[in-house]
Protein backbone atom coordinates (compact mmCIF):
# COMPACT_ATOMS: atom_id res chain seq x y z
CA MET A 1 97.42 -147.38 -190.57
CA ALA A 2 99.52 -146.13 -187.95
CA LYS A 3 97.89 -142.83 -186.16
CA GLU A 4 100.05 -139.74 -184.68
CA ILE A 5 102.35 -141.14 -181.90
CA ARG A 6 102.60 -138.04 -179.67
CA VAL A 7 106.11 -138.36 -177.48
CA VAL A 8 107.28 -136.99 -174.76
CA GLU A 9 110.76 -137.64 -173.37
CA LEU A 10 112.44 -137.35 -170.10
CA PHE A 11 116.09 -137.33 -169.37
CA ALA A 12 116.70 -136.65 -173.48
CA GLY A 13 120.17 -136.42 -173.79
CA VAL A 14 121.71 -135.33 -177.19
CA GLY A 15 117.86 -137.47 -178.67
CA GLY A 16 119.13 -141.02 -178.59
CA PHE A 17 115.02 -142.09 -178.64
CA ARG A 18 113.76 -138.94 -180.55
CA CYS A 19 116.43 -140.14 -183.53
CA GLY A 20 115.05 -144.25 -183.31
CA LEU A 21 111.33 -143.37 -183.16
CA GLU A 22 111.66 -140.69 -185.94
CA ALA A 23 113.70 -143.38 -188.05
CA SER A 24 111.30 -145.90 -187.70
CA SER A 25 108.44 -143.44 -188.50
CA ASP A 26 107.52 -139.79 -188.99
CA HIS A 27 104.19 -141.35 -186.83
CA PHE A 28 106.09 -140.86 -183.94
CA VAL A 29 105.58 -136.57 -183.00
CA THR A 30 108.08 -135.03 -179.62
CA LEU A 31 105.84 -132.50 -178.36
CA TRP A 32 107.70 -132.07 -175.32
CA ALA A 33 111.80 -132.50 -173.94
CA ASN A 34 113.91 -132.37 -171.24
CA GLN A 35 117.06 -132.07 -170.63
CA TRP A 36 118.96 -131.26 -167.73
CA GLU A 37 122.14 -131.59 -165.86
CA PRO A 38 122.74 -130.94 -162.76
CA GLY A 39 125.42 -128.66 -161.03
CA ARG A 40 126.78 -128.03 -164.30
CA LYS A 41 126.57 -124.45 -165.91
CA ASN A 42 127.08 -125.57 -169.55
CA GLN A 43 124.50 -127.68 -170.84
CA PHE A 44 126.12 -129.50 -173.52
CA ALA A 45 123.58 -132.44 -173.91
CA PHE A 46 120.59 -129.94 -173.92
CA ASP A 47 122.51 -127.43 -176.39
CA CYS A 48 122.95 -130.16 -179.02
CA TYR A 49 118.95 -131.46 -178.70
CA ASP A 50 118.19 -128.38 -179.06
CA ALA A 51 120.44 -127.27 -182.20
CA HIS A 52 119.07 -130.36 -183.75
CA TYR A 53 115.46 -130.50 -183.22
CA GLY A 54 114.97 -126.67 -182.17
CA ASP A 55 112.93 -125.65 -185.24
CA SER A 56 111.19 -129.19 -185.19
CA GLY A 57 107.49 -127.69 -183.15
CA SER A 58 108.56 -129.58 -179.84
CA LEU A 59 109.05 -127.96 -176.73
CA ASN A 60 112.35 -128.59 -175.27
CA VAL A 61 113.24 -127.33 -171.93
CA ASN A 62 116.65 -127.10 -170.39
CA GLU A 63 115.06 -127.32 -166.73
CA ASP A 64 115.64 -129.53 -163.20
CA ILE A 65 112.38 -132.04 -164.13
CA ALA A 66 111.25 -131.82 -160.75
CA ASN A 67 110.53 -128.24 -161.27
CA ALA A 68 109.18 -128.95 -165.09
CA ARG A 69 107.42 -132.12 -164.52
CA ASP A 70 103.34 -130.53 -164.54
CA GLU A 71 104.44 -128.86 -167.57
CA VAL A 72 104.21 -132.19 -169.58
CA PRO A 73 101.34 -131.69 -171.94
CA GLU A 74 99.02 -135.16 -172.57
CA HIS A 75 100.67 -137.90 -174.68
CA ASP A 76 100.51 -141.13 -175.81
CA LEU A 77 104.22 -142.40 -175.36
CA LEU A 78 106.26 -141.55 -172.62
CA VAL A 79 110.31 -142.28 -173.13
CA GLY A 80 113.08 -141.61 -171.42
CA GLY A 81 116.50 -143.18 -170.17
CA PHE A 82 116.53 -142.27 -166.66
CA PRO A 83 119.37 -142.32 -164.43
CA CYS A 84 120.26 -145.36 -161.96
CA GLN A 85 119.72 -144.01 -158.61
CA ASP A 86 118.40 -145.70 -155.30
CA TYR A 87 114.73 -146.01 -155.32
CA SER A 88 114.17 -146.78 -151.53
CA VAL A 89 110.94 -145.48 -149.45
CA ALA A 90 112.12 -147.03 -146.55
CA THR A 91 110.18 -146.32 -143.27
CA THR A 92 112.39 -145.22 -141.72
CA GLN A 93 112.32 -141.80 -142.88
CA ALA A 94 109.99 -139.15 -140.58
CA LYS A 95 108.20 -139.13 -144.09
CA GLY A 96 107.90 -142.78 -145.56
CA ILE A 97 106.80 -142.92 -149.29
CA ALA A 98 105.55 -138.90 -149.17
CA GLY A 99 109.51 -138.21 -148.69
CA LYS A 100 110.15 -139.26 -152.14
CA LYS A 101 111.34 -136.25 -153.47
CA GLY A 102 115.05 -135.70 -155.24
CA VAL A 103 114.55 -139.08 -157.02
CA LEU A 104 114.40 -139.25 -160.95
CA TRP A 105 112.03 -142.30 -160.66
CA TRP A 106 109.12 -140.37 -158.68
CA HIS A 107 109.01 -137.68 -161.16
CA ILE A 108 108.57 -140.60 -163.82
CA ASP A 109 105.74 -141.95 -161.37
CA HIS A 110 103.90 -138.65 -160.86
CA ILE A 111 104.15 -137.46 -164.50
CA ILE A 112 102.14 -141.03 -165.12
CA LYS A 113 99.76 -140.96 -162.42
CA ARG A 114 99.12 -137.15 -164.06
CA ARG A 115 98.64 -137.75 -167.65
CA HIS A 116 98.32 -141.50 -167.72
CA PRO A 117 100.07 -141.76 -171.47
CA LYS A 118 99.02 -145.42 -173.51
CA TYR A 119 102.52 -146.58 -173.04
CA VAL A 120 105.88 -146.20 -171.71
CA LEU A 121 109.25 -146.82 -172.73
CA LEU A 122 112.17 -146.70 -170.49
CA GLU A 123 115.88 -147.62 -170.52
CA ASN A 124 118.37 -148.06 -167.43
CA VAL A 125 122.02 -150.03 -166.84
CA ASP A 126 120.54 -153.45 -167.01
CA ARG A 127 122.05 -153.38 -163.16
CA LEU A 128 118.73 -152.29 -162.34
CA LEU A 129 117.47 -155.72 -162.53
CA ARG A 130 119.86 -156.27 -159.08
CA SER A 131 120.20 -153.29 -157.57
CA PRO A 132 120.73 -152.56 -154.69
CA SER A 133 123.57 -154.96 -153.34
CA THR A 134 122.18 -154.96 -150.15
CA GLN A 135 118.64 -155.61 -150.80
CA ARG A 136 118.33 -157.11 -154.86
CA GLY A 137 115.86 -156.53 -157.09
CA ARG A 138 114.10 -154.09 -154.64
CA ASP A 139 114.76 -151.51 -156.69
CA PHE A 140 112.92 -152.57 -160.17
CA GLY A 141 110.41 -154.34 -157.69
CA ILE A 142 109.51 -150.97 -156.63
CA ILE A 143 109.21 -149.65 -160.42
CA LEU A 144 106.98 -152.59 -161.09
CA ARG A 145 104.88 -152.25 -158.37
CA CYS A 146 104.45 -148.48 -159.12
CA LEU A 147 103.44 -149.01 -162.49
CA ALA A 148 101.02 -151.95 -161.50
CA ASP A 149 99.36 -149.69 -158.92
CA LEU A 150 98.72 -147.69 -161.70
CA GLY A 151 96.99 -150.10 -164.14
CA TYR A 152 99.64 -150.95 -166.12
CA SER A 153 100.68 -154.36 -167.48
CA VAL A 154 104.71 -154.64 -167.93
CA GLU A 155 107.54 -156.34 -169.86
CA TRP A 156 111.06 -155.79 -170.18
CA ARG A 157 114.29 -156.66 -170.90
CA ALA A 158 117.81 -156.88 -171.18
CA ILE A 159 119.40 -156.35 -174.74
CA ASN A 160 122.77 -156.58 -175.71
CA ALA A 161 123.36 -154.82 -178.97
CA ALA A 162 125.94 -156.65 -180.23
CA ASP A 163 123.31 -159.66 -179.56
CA TYR A 164 121.34 -158.76 -182.67
CA GLY A 165 124.29 -157.33 -185.17
CA PHE A 166 125.11 -154.08 -183.95
CA VAL A 167 128.57 -152.74 -183.37
CA GLN A 168 129.01 -152.56 -179.33
CA LYS A 169 128.38 -154.89 -176.93
CA ARG A 170 125.64 -152.69 -174.48
CA ARG A 171 123.71 -154.13 -172.27
CA ARG A 172 120.68 -152.49 -171.11
CA VAL A 173 117.61 -153.44 -169.48
CA PHE A 174 114.55 -151.64 -171.82
CA ILE A 175 110.97 -151.86 -169.76
CA PHE A 176 107.76 -151.55 -172.01
CA ALA A 177 104.66 -150.37 -169.79
CA SER A 178 101.09 -150.43 -171.71
CA ARG A 179 97.90 -149.09 -169.80
CA GLY A 180 95.24 -151.59 -168.66
CA ASP A 181 92.93 -150.14 -171.01
CA THR A 182 94.75 -150.76 -174.25
CA ARG A 183 94.44 -153.97 -176.73
CA LYS A 184 98.22 -154.80 -176.01
CA SER A 185 97.45 -155.07 -172.05
CA ILE A 186 94.39 -156.69 -172.52
CA ASP A 187 95.59 -159.88 -174.82
CA ILE A 188 98.58 -160.49 -172.10
CA ASP A 189 97.82 -163.72 -170.59
CA MET A 190 99.04 -164.38 -167.11
CA GLY A 191 98.03 -168.13 -167.35
CA ASN A 192 100.80 -168.33 -170.53
CA PRO A 193 103.46 -165.94 -169.93
CA GLU A 194 105.98 -167.38 -171.60
CA ALA A 195 103.47 -166.88 -175.38
CA THR A 196 104.51 -162.81 -174.25
CA VAL A 197 107.72 -163.50 -173.35
CA HIS A 198 108.85 -165.69 -176.77
CA ASP A 199 105.83 -165.02 -179.17
CA ASN A 200 103.89 -162.20 -178.77
CA GLY A 201 105.18 -159.67 -176.63
CA PHE A 202 106.75 -155.96 -177.53
CA PHE A 203 109.99 -157.44 -177.45
CA SER A 204 109.75 -160.83 -179.14
CA LYS A 205 109.26 -160.07 -182.88
CA GLU A 206 111.95 -157.32 -183.05
CA PHE A 207 114.92 -159.31 -180.56
CA PRO A 208 113.85 -163.06 -180.92
CA ILE A 209 115.57 -165.89 -178.09
CA ASP A 210 115.57 -169.49 -178.03
CA PRO A 211 112.64 -170.98 -176.42
CA VAL A 212 112.32 -171.71 -173.05
CA SER A 213 114.12 -174.57 -171.95
CA SER A 214 115.19 -176.69 -168.83
CA ASP A 215 118.50 -174.61 -168.55
CA ASP A 216 116.59 -171.75 -168.12
CA LYS A 217 116.00 -169.93 -164.86
CA ILE A 218 112.37 -169.31 -164.32
CA GLY A 219 110.44 -167.32 -161.29
CA THR A 220 106.91 -166.23 -160.88
CA PHE A 221 105.87 -164.34 -157.85
CA ASN A 222 102.80 -161.65 -157.12
CA ILE A 223 104.29 -158.59 -155.96
CA GLY A 224 100.71 -157.08 -154.67
CA SER A 225 100.16 -160.16 -152.30
CA GLU A 226 99.69 -160.45 -148.55
CA LYS A 227 103.70 -160.43 -148.34
CA TYR A 228 103.94 -157.08 -150.35
CA SER A 229 100.55 -155.40 -149.47
CA SER A 230 102.18 -151.62 -149.85
CA LEU A 231 105.01 -150.19 -151.81
CA ILE A 232 106.11 -149.48 -148.44
CA GLU A 233 107.04 -153.62 -147.87
CA VAL A 234 108.11 -153.66 -151.07
CA SER A 235 110.97 -151.55 -149.84
CA ASP A 236 111.59 -152.88 -146.59
CA HIS A 237 111.39 -156.91 -147.66
CA PHE A 238 111.43 -157.60 -151.69
CA ALA A 239 113.49 -160.72 -151.54
CA GLU A 240 112.48 -161.63 -155.31
CA GLN A 241 115.20 -162.31 -158.35
CA PHE A 242 114.57 -160.63 -161.41
CA LEU A 243 115.91 -162.38 -164.27
CA SER A 244 116.71 -161.06 -167.96
CA ALA A 245 113.58 -161.16 -169.52
CA GLY A 246 109.78 -161.34 -167.74
CA VAL A 247 106.25 -159.96 -168.14
CA MET A 248 103.97 -158.16 -165.45
CA LYS A 249 99.89 -158.00 -165.34
CA ASP A 250 98.21 -157.52 -162.12
CA HIS A 251 101.04 -157.45 -160.44
CA GLN A 252 101.51 -161.55 -161.35
CA ILE A 253 104.88 -161.50 -162.21
CA TYR A 254 106.79 -164.12 -164.76
CA THR A 255 110.55 -163.44 -165.07
CA ARG A 256 112.71 -165.87 -167.21
CA GLY A 257 116.57 -165.95 -168.48
CA VAL A 258 116.64 -165.66 -172.22
CA THR A 259 119.18 -166.99 -175.39
CA PRO A 260 119.54 -164.08 -178.33
CA ARG A 261 118.69 -165.17 -181.80
CA PHE A 262 120.49 -163.91 -184.45
CA ASN A 263 120.91 -164.74 -187.83
CA GLY A 264 121.64 -162.07 -189.77
CA LYS A 265 124.82 -160.25 -190.78
CA ARG A 266 127.05 -158.59 -187.62
CA ALA A 267 128.36 -155.32 -187.67
CA ARG A 268 132.14 -155.36 -186.78
CA LEU A 269 134.51 -152.52 -185.37
CA ARG A 270 136.49 -152.01 -188.47
CA ASP A 271 133.02 -150.74 -190.26
CA ILE A 272 132.69 -147.61 -188.61
CA LEU A 273 136.25 -146.66 -189.04
CA GLU A 274 136.84 -143.42 -190.17
CA ASP A 275 139.40 -143.58 -193.70
CA ASP A 276 141.87 -139.80 -192.73
CA VAL A 277 142.05 -139.26 -189.16
CA ASP A 278 143.79 -136.06 -187.74
CA GLU A 279 147.37 -137.12 -185.75
CA ARG A 280 145.95 -135.92 -182.53
CA PHE A 281 143.94 -139.52 -181.90
CA TYR A 282 147.35 -141.39 -182.39
CA VAL A 283 148.94 -142.87 -179.39
CA LYS A 284 152.71 -140.87 -179.06
CA ALA A 285 155.36 -143.63 -178.70
CA LEU A 286 156.42 -142.10 -174.92
CA ASP A 287 152.83 -142.97 -174.30
CA LEU A 288 152.60 -146.98 -175.27
CA PRO A 289 154.21 -148.23 -172.05
CA LYS A 290 151.02 -146.52 -169.79
CA TRP A 291 149.24 -147.70 -172.33
CA GLU A 292 149.82 -151.50 -172.15
CA PHE A 293 150.35 -151.38 -168.36
CA MET A 294 146.64 -149.87 -168.36
CA LYS A 295 145.38 -152.66 -170.82
CA GLY A 296 147.15 -155.64 -168.67
CA PRO A 297 146.40 -158.03 -166.34
CA LYS A 298 147.95 -157.09 -162.97
CA LYS A 299 148.43 -157.80 -159.24
CA LEU A 300 148.80 -154.79 -157.05
CA LYS A 301 149.53 -154.09 -153.15
CA ARG A 302 147.31 -150.82 -151.66
CA LYS A 303 146.54 -150.06 -148.85
CA LYS A 304 143.21 -148.80 -146.94
CA ALA A 305 142.45 -145.20 -147.09
CA GLY A 306 143.42 -144.32 -143.32
CA THR A 307 144.82 -147.28 -142.15
CA ASN A 308 148.04 -149.59 -142.34
CA ILE A 309 146.32 -152.60 -143.59
CA THR A 310 147.25 -153.80 -147.60
CA TYR A 311 145.32 -155.97 -149.89
CA LEU A 312 146.07 -157.48 -152.96
CA TYR A 313 144.29 -155.44 -155.78
CA SER A 314 143.85 -157.53 -159.26
CA GLU A 315 142.45 -157.09 -162.15
CA GLY A 316 141.91 -159.04 -165.86
CA GLY A 317 143.77 -157.85 -168.92
CA ILE A 318 141.56 -155.58 -171.60
CA PRO A 319 142.12 -156.46 -175.62
CA PHE A 320 144.78 -154.57 -176.86
CA PRO A 321 144.76 -153.50 -179.88
CA ASP A 322 140.73 -154.06 -179.73
CA ASN A 323 139.46 -156.70 -182.10
CA LEU A 324 138.09 -154.86 -185.50
CA ASP A 325 136.51 -157.98 -186.54
CA GLY A 326 134.11 -157.75 -183.81
CA PRO A 327 131.86 -155.58 -181.99
CA GLY A 328 133.39 -152.95 -180.13
CA ARG A 329 133.43 -153.36 -176.16
CA THR A 330 130.73 -150.96 -173.94
CA MET A 331 131.49 -146.81 -174.30
CA LEU A 332 131.78 -145.48 -170.93
CA THR A 333 132.51 -141.54 -170.69
CA SER A 334 135.93 -142.03 -170.25
CA GLU A 335 136.05 -142.84 -173.85
CA GLY A 336 138.95 -141.26 -175.66
CA THR A 337 141.30 -140.19 -172.71
CA LYS A 338 144.35 -141.76 -171.03
CA ASN A 339 142.00 -144.42 -169.34
CA ARG A 340 142.05 -148.67 -169.51
CA SER A 341 138.25 -148.73 -170.46
CA SER A 342 139.59 -146.27 -174.03
CA HIS A 343 139.71 -148.14 -177.03
CA ILE A 344 142.96 -149.10 -178.78
CA ILE A 345 142.85 -150.04 -182.46
CA SER A 346 145.41 -150.34 -184.99
CA GLY A 347 144.72 -148.12 -187.42
CA LYS A 348 145.61 -148.30 -191.01
CA ASP A 349 149.44 -147.97 -190.86
CA GLY A 350 149.66 -150.13 -187.85
CA ARG A 351 150.33 -147.80 -185.55
CA TYR A 352 147.81 -147.05 -182.51
CA ARG A 353 145.26 -144.84 -182.04
CA ILE A 354 142.32 -143.86 -179.94
CA LEU A 355 138.17 -144.05 -181.87
CA THR A 356 137.32 -140.56 -183.13
CA PRO A 357 134.51 -138.74 -181.99
CA VAL A 358 132.50 -139.63 -184.88
CA GLU A 359 133.36 -143.29 -184.97
CA CYS A 360 132.07 -143.07 -181.42
CA GLU A 361 128.82 -141.74 -182.76
CA ARG A 362 128.96 -144.35 -185.32
CA MET A 363 129.35 -147.09 -182.90
CA ASN A 364 125.69 -145.55 -180.94
CA GLY A 365 124.66 -145.16 -184.63
CA PHE A 366 123.69 -141.50 -184.80
CA PRO A 367 124.49 -139.27 -187.49
CA ASP A 368 127.96 -138.14 -188.16
CA ASP A 369 128.87 -134.64 -186.05
CA TRP A 370 125.78 -135.11 -184.37
CA THR A 371 127.10 -133.68 -181.26
CA ASN A 372 129.98 -131.35 -182.64
CA THR A 373 128.03 -128.93 -180.84
CA MET A 374 130.29 -129.05 -178.13
CA THR A 375 133.59 -129.84 -177.18
CA GLU A 376 135.37 -132.65 -177.96
CA ARG A 377 136.08 -134.36 -174.18
CA GLN A 378 131.98 -133.92 -173.95
CA ARG A 379 131.14 -135.51 -177.67
CA TYR A 380 133.10 -138.62 -175.58
CA PHE A 381 131.27 -138.18 -172.74
CA VAL A 382 127.85 -137.64 -173.86
CA MET A 383 128.39 -140.96 -176.40
CA GLY A 384 130.00 -142.83 -173.34
CA ASN A 385 125.95 -141.94 -171.32
CA ALA A 386 123.88 -142.45 -175.01
CA LEU A 387 121.71 -145.28 -176.00
CA VAL A 388 122.10 -146.94 -179.43
CA VAL A 389 119.24 -145.78 -181.66
CA GLY A 390 119.24 -148.39 -183.71
CA LEU A 391 117.74 -150.75 -180.27
CA ILE A 392 114.79 -147.93 -180.14
CA LYS A 393 114.14 -148.01 -184.36
CA LYS A 394 113.27 -151.16 -183.76
CA MET A 395 111.17 -150.74 -180.63
CA GLY A 396 109.55 -148.43 -182.61
CA ASP A 397 108.43 -150.61 -185.00
CA SER A 398 106.73 -152.42 -182.87
CA LEU A 399 104.98 -149.65 -181.30
CA LEU A 400 103.63 -148.94 -184.74
CA ARG A 401 102.29 -152.62 -185.05
CA LEU A 402 100.44 -151.91 -181.25
CA THR A 403 99.03 -148.97 -182.79
CA GLU A 404 97.67 -151.06 -185.97
CA SER A 405 96.22 -152.87 -183.86
CA GLU A 406 94.10 -150.71 -181.30
């Protein structure tokens, strides 16, 4: 029987990790959560989180994590969807590695060093695997090196929610780390890393993939070798490629491309539409040409700022209206505005309209009106930042199986 799993949630947003874990089991008990939006007077996301969980017994902290990180209590599972920033620890800075203040990964690193949780589950944009553009993969390499130096084994997977039946094409990378003394870490065999990626890893049961084939890219390297003898060496000289799945133990890395395998029912955009929609969500006839232009393919002459140099700007078209018989496109924070990326659908009466805030919540798997604590514009914004709750529920199921084996 699964034991209570004490959770700390960082960069909590409106509670996507917590929603998913608690949908999996009441064995997940959140002790402490942090959400802070720098430079904003109104803390919309935190207010929403606290409205739902303020009476739950957890300590919900609306403070810069740089100031709150030493308040984090002992816990079993650390989760968070941390913003992607520049993780460089370049030696050209006077303090070198000692000068790591202000970059959010380092606060996670600090908490792990201080509390040594059994498990860590993080989410980020899949661009993390190849950022920055000037030294692809360096940022993720630094994260893996930090975790390896702290004695953790790591599995990662880039997952598009729509590939597993969810209603949104939202691709994110999930990073799962297990402390070296846990059964999960001990059982990883780097003599046969494919067994972890395909058969018995953290992601393999809930997110099945096709067996490795000759068409799949595969990479192996050691991030603790003479080539990368220190964290600074990783930062300055990293030159490897991370693919969409992988495993690391004792600094040894195996990574490969994957093909998702799913035979279940696939959700469609039409499945999450509301029946009665207010007139304000419909496109006015006067605005229809603007929408058609924004959504259509185009080639435009533009001038480089501050110069007389012109260039041709090109972009492809976006479906107009969006297809209701498939998953929706990735929601961005600009959803609901007059923007090229906003969804436009044909309503039941044949008129075009944008999605409602409730429909956006449904696309991410939140309960209806979860974000009705804030302005309508902010409701769209936070859903553009949120994760797909159903993915976290499946990962919670995987975590429960792990704790039963401990």
